[in-house]
Amino acid sequence: MRLDLEQSHVCLAKDGAEYRAKAAADILDDLRRMFAAQPMHVAGVRLHGIEALRPLLASNGAIGSIAAAVVGPDCRPVRAILFDKTAEANWSLAWHQDRTICVKTRVHVEGFGPWTIKQGMHHVAPPFDLLSRMVTLRVHLDDGAEENAPLLIVPGSHKLGRIAEAQIDEVVASHGQHMCLARAGDIWLYSTPIVHGSKAASRPTRRRVLQIDFSSDALPGGLEWLGV
């Protein structure tokens, strides 16, 4: 696989994303075994209650420590999704910002809303400032080559606040895009509100990615993170 030589020049502060080569190489086999029983050929499975995953995501764990170095030692994993792109599940994802968080129960708090249910879990759009303090890690269980539809990001878009959907294409055109190529065991770290998307694979092979959101914020008014 051709790995873009410019990956190492993408900076979290400036561009909103950062590449960590081989950061999960030592735990790659453990992760693959952990998720062997998860449903295949679906766009994304929201993960909760996998005990073996929690130590890895703790602020001193192999994955969580990477987030803690950015958002502080009090950070916690607040949502995890396993993506499994294959020839049978070869989806595309339009340019967008992630705008919701996952909580235990629905509680009315000013500034939080609208609400949705995704795979039986409560999701709500929080004030955008909270999202701007979060980071997301993508742990690659398989290679993410150019022909296998890697994540695409819009560098610098994390600094623009909440972007109206009608303006996203304009932001992509003005800021450009970057292809987040990766090998199995690599990690991409990005600011949660960054504009991102993904095309359908032109030559699909299996491409599993564990995506985890991290936050150091406590939620107000009785709201609680569901966590992982």
Protein backbone atom coordinates (compact mmCIF):
# COMPACT_ATOMS: atom_id res chain seq x y z
CA MET A 1 0.00 0.00 0.00
CA ARG A 2 1.22 3.49 -0.82
CA LEU A 3 1.22 5.45 2.43
CA ASP A 4 1.03 9.20 1.88
CA LEU A 5 4.35 10.78 2.85
CA GLU A 6 2.47 13.87 4.00
CA GLN A 7 0.63 12.02 6.79
CA SER A 8 3.27 12.97 9.35
CA HIS A 9 2.88 16.66 8.47
CA VAL A 10 -0.82 16.79 9.41
CA CYS A 11 -1.00 18.59 12.77
CA LEU A 12 -3.82 18.37 15.31
CA ALA A 13 -3.66 22.04 16.34
CA LYS A 14 -3.51 23.43 12.80
CA ASP A 15 -5.34 20.83 10.74
CA GLY A 16 -7.52 19.12 13.36
CA ALA A 17 -6.03 15.67 12.85
CA GLU A 18 -2.86 13.71 13.53
CA TYR A 19 -1.42 10.37 12.43
CA ARG A 20 0.13 7.91 14.88
CA ALA A 21 1.95 5.12 13.05
CA LYS A 22 1.85 1.69 14.76
CA ALA A 23 0.35 3.19 17.94
CA ALA A 24 -1.93 0.17 18.40
CA ALA A 25 0.33 -2.47 16.85
CA ASP A 26 0.99 -4.23 20.17
CA ILE A 27 -2.73 -4.71 20.91
CA LEU A 28 -3.92 -5.34 17.35
CA ASP A 29 -4.39 -9.11 17.76
CA ASP A 30 -6.25 -8.58 21.04
CA LEU A 31 -8.65 -6.14 19.39
CA ARG A 32 -9.31 -8.45 16.47
CA ARG A 33 -10.16 -11.31 18.83
CA MET A 34 -12.31 -8.99 20.95
CA PHE A 35 -14.50 -8.06 18.00
CA ALA A 36 -14.59 -11.40 16.22
CA ALA A 37 -18.16 -12.03 17.39
CA GLN A 38 -19.50 -8.61 16.42
CA PRO A 39 -22.00 -8.44 13.52
CA MET A 40 -20.38 -8.22 10.09
CA HIS A 41 -21.46 -6.41 6.93
CA VAL A 42 -23.12 -3.53 8.76
CA ALA A 43 -22.13 0.13 8.54
CA GLY A 44 -21.38 0.55 12.25
CA VAL A 45 -21.99 -1.21 15.57
CA ARG A 46 -22.18 0.97 18.68
CA LEU A 47 -20.23 -0.73 21.45
CA HIS A 48 -21.10 -0.81 25.13
CA GLY A 49 -20.32 -3.16 27.98
CA ILE A 50 -17.24 -4.90 26.55
CA GLU A 51 -15.20 -5.28 29.74
CA ALA A 52 -11.95 -6.24 28.00
CA LEU A 53 -12.01 -2.97 26.06
CA ARG A 54 -12.22 -0.66 29.07
CA PRO A 55 -8.62 -0.94 30.33
CA LEU A 56 -7.34 -0.10 26.86
CA LEU A 57 -9.49 3.04 26.75
CA ALA A 58 -8.68 4.25 30.28
CA SER A 59 -6.58 7.42 30.52
CA ASN A 60 -3.50 5.27 31.26
CA GLY A 61 -4.36 2.58 28.71
CA ALA A 62 -2.77 1.84 25.35
CA ILE A 63 -5.44 3.81 23.48
CA GLY A 64 -6.84 6.15 26.12
CA SER A 65 -3.44 7.57 27.01
CA ILE A 66 -3.22 9.07 23.52
CA ALA A 67 -6.45 10.97 24.11
CA ALA A 68 -5.41 11.93 27.65
CA ALA A 69 -2.28 13.61 26.31
CA VAL A 70 -4.55 15.95 24.34
CA VAL A 71 -7.66 16.54 26.49
CA GLY A 72 -6.20 15.86 29.94
CA PRO A 73 -5.87 13.02 32.46
CA ASP A 74 -9.56 13.17 33.42
CA CYS A 75 -10.65 12.14 29.94
CA ARG A 76 -12.99 9.19 29.52
CA PRO A 77 -14.23 7.19 26.52
CA VAL A 78 -17.79 8.35 25.92
CA ARG A 79 -18.75 6.47 22.75
CA ALA A 80 -17.29 3.68 20.65
CA ILE A 81 -18.32 2.41 17.23
CA LEU A 82 -16.90 -0.49 15.22
CA PHE A 83 -17.01 0.12 11.48
CA ASP A 84 -16.65 -2.92 9.22
CA LYS A 85 -16.56 -1.94 5.55
CA THR A 86 -16.61 -4.91 3.17
CA ALA A 87 -17.75 -5.72 -0.36
CA GLU A 88 -21.15 -6.60 1.15
CA ALA A 89 -21.30 -3.38 3.18
CA ASN A 90 -19.57 -0.84 0.98
CA TRP A 91 -21.21 2.42 2.03
CA SER A 92 -20.31 6.02 1.43
CA LEU A 93 -20.63 8.84 3.93
CA ALA A 94 -21.33 12.42 2.89
CA TRP A 95 -19.33 15.32 4.32
CA HIS A 96 -20.57 16.12 7.83
CA GLN A 97 -19.68 17.03 11.41
CA ASP A 98 -20.36 14.68 14.33
CA ARG A 99 -22.83 16.61 16.46
CA THR A 100 -24.28 14.21 19.04
CA ILE A 101 -23.15 12.50 22.23
CA CYS A 102 -24.41 9.29 23.86
CA VAL A 103 -25.97 9.48 27.35
CA LYS A 104 -27.61 7.08 29.83
CA THR A 105 -31.09 8.56 29.90
CA ARG A 106 -33.03 11.46 28.46
CA VAL A 107 -33.00 14.50 30.76
CA HIS A 108 -34.17 17.94 29.72
CA VAL A 109 -31.26 20.38 30.00
CA GLU A 110 -31.26 23.74 28.27
CA GLY A 111 -28.95 23.80 25.27
CA PHE A 112 -29.10 20.04 24.73
CA GLY A 113 -31.20 18.79 21.83
CA PRO A 114 -32.61 17.46 19.59
CA TRP A 115 -32.71 13.88 20.82
CA THR A 116 -32.45 10.62 18.87
CA ILE A 117 -32.27 6.89 19.58
CA LYS A 118 -29.50 5.00 17.78
CA GLN A 119 -29.25 1.23 18.26
CA GLY A 120 -31.26 1.60 21.48
CA MET A 121 -28.98 4.30 22.95
CA HIS A 122 -29.94 7.90 23.76
CA HIS A 123 -28.12 10.51 21.68
CA VAL A 124 -28.39 14.27 22.00
CA ALA A 125 -26.80 17.30 20.36
CA PRO A 126 -24.91 19.23 23.08
CA PRO A 127 -23.70 22.82 23.00
CA PHE A 128 -21.01 22.98 20.35
CA ASP A 129 -18.36 24.15 22.82
CA LEU A 130 -18.48 20.73 24.46
CA LEU A 131 -17.86 18.99 21.13
CA SER A 132 -14.95 21.34 20.41
CA ARG A 133 -13.14 20.04 23.50
CA MET A 134 -13.54 16.38 22.49
CA VAL A 135 -11.22 14.19 20.44
CA THR A 136 -11.90 11.08 18.42
CA LEU A 137 -9.48 8.21 17.82
CA ARG A 138 -9.73 5.79 14.91
CA VAL A 139 -7.85 2.54 15.52
CA HIS A 140 -7.27 0.62 12.29
CA LEU A 141 -7.71 -3.14 12.53
CA ASP A 142 -7.03 -3.53 8.80
CA ASP A 143 -5.20 -1.49 6.17
CA GLY A 144 -7.00 1.61 4.94
CA ALA A 145 -5.66 2.02 1.43
CA GLU A 146 -6.75 4.58 -1.16
CA GLU A 147 -8.89 2.06 -3.07
CA ASN A 148 -10.56 0.94 0.17
CA ALA A 149 -12.23 4.25 1.02
CA PRO A 150 -10.23 5.66 3.95
CA LEU A 151 -11.53 8.54 6.03
CA LEU A 152 -11.43 11.94 4.33
CA ILE A 153 -11.06 15.07 6.45
CA VAL A 154 -11.21 18.80 5.75
CA PRO A 155 -8.10 20.33 7.37
CA GLY A 156 -8.81 23.31 9.58
CA SER A 157 -12.58 22.84 9.60
CA HIS A 158 -12.49 22.05 13.33
CA LYS A 159 -11.91 25.78 13.95
CA LEU A 160 -15.09 26.92 12.19
CA GLY A 161 -17.65 26.01 14.85
CA ARG A 162 -21.03 24.54 13.91
CA ILE A 163 -21.27 24.65 10.11
CA ALA A 164 -24.66 24.80 8.45
CA GLU A 165 -25.20 21.76 6.26
CA ALA A 166 -25.84 24.02 3.26
CA GLN A 167 -22.34 25.51 3.70
CA ILE A 168 -20.33 22.32 4.11
CA ASP A 169 -19.58 21.87 0.40
CA GLU A 170 -18.27 25.44 0.31
CA VAL A 171 -15.99 24.70 3.27
CA VAL A 172 -14.65 21.58 1.53
CA ALA A 173 -13.97 23.58 -1.62
CA SER A 174 -12.14 26.36 0.24
CA HIS A 175 -10.15 24.23 2.70
CA GLY A 176 -9.45 21.14 0.59
CA GLN A 177 -9.41 17.56 1.82
CA HIS A 178 -6.93 15.03 3.13
CA MET A 179 -7.04 11.25 2.73
CA CYS A 180 -6.26 9.47 6.02
CA LEU A 181 -4.42 6.41 4.76
CA ALA A 182 -3.37 3.88 7.39
CA ARG A 183 -1.94 0.45 7.96
CA ALA A 184 -3.34 -2.04 10.45
CA GLY A 185 -2.25 -0.94 13.93
CA ASP A 186 -2.11 2.77 13.05
CA ILE A 187 -4.25 5.38 14.81
CA TRP A 188 -5.71 8.62 13.49
CA LEU A 189 -6.56 11.24 16.11
CA TYR A 190 -8.84 14.13 15.20
CA SER A 191 -10.86 16.94 16.74
CA THR A 192 -14.40 15.56 17.01
CA PRO A 193 -16.12 18.44 15.11
CA ILE A 194 -13.87 18.21 12.04
CA VAL A 195 -15.72 17.89 8.73
CA HIS A 196 -15.19 14.37 7.43
CA GLY A 197 -16.63 11.75 5.10
CA SER A 198 -15.87 8.58 3.18
CA LYS A 199 -16.44 7.28 -0.32
CA ALA A 200 -17.49 3.77 -1.27
CA ALA A 201 -14.45 1.58 -1.88
CA SER A 202 -13.41 1.16 -5.50
CA ARG A 203 -11.82 -2.22 -4.73
CA PRO A 204 -13.32 -3.22 -1.38
CA THR A 205 -11.51 -5.45 1.02
CA ARG A 206 -12.31 -5.71 4.71
CA ARG A 207 -11.64 -2.42 6.53
CA ARG A 208 -12.42 -2.50 10.25
CA VAL A 209 -11.97 0.64 12.33
CA LEU A 210 -12.61 1.10 16.04
CA GLN A 211 -13.69 4.71 16.58
CA ILE A 212 -13.79 6.16 20.11
CA ASP A 213 -14.85 9.62 21.29
CA PHE A 214 -13.15 11.01 24.41
CA SER A 215 -14.15 13.89 26.68
CA SER A 216 -12.94 15.41 29.95
CA ASP A 217 -16.20 17.29 30.55
CA ALA A 218 -18.80 16.38 33.16
CA LEU A 219 -22.35 16.79 31.86
CA PRO A 220 -24.74 19.24 33.57
CA GLY A 221 -28.24 18.95 34.98
CA GLY A 222 -28.30 15.24 35.72
CA LEU A 223 -27.16 14.11 32.29
CA GLU A 224 -24.62 11.26 32.37
CA TRP A 225 -22.36 9.87 29.70
CA LEU A 226 -23.32 6.33 28.75
CA GLY A 227 -19.65 5.54 28.27
CA VAL A 228 -18.13 2.39 26.84
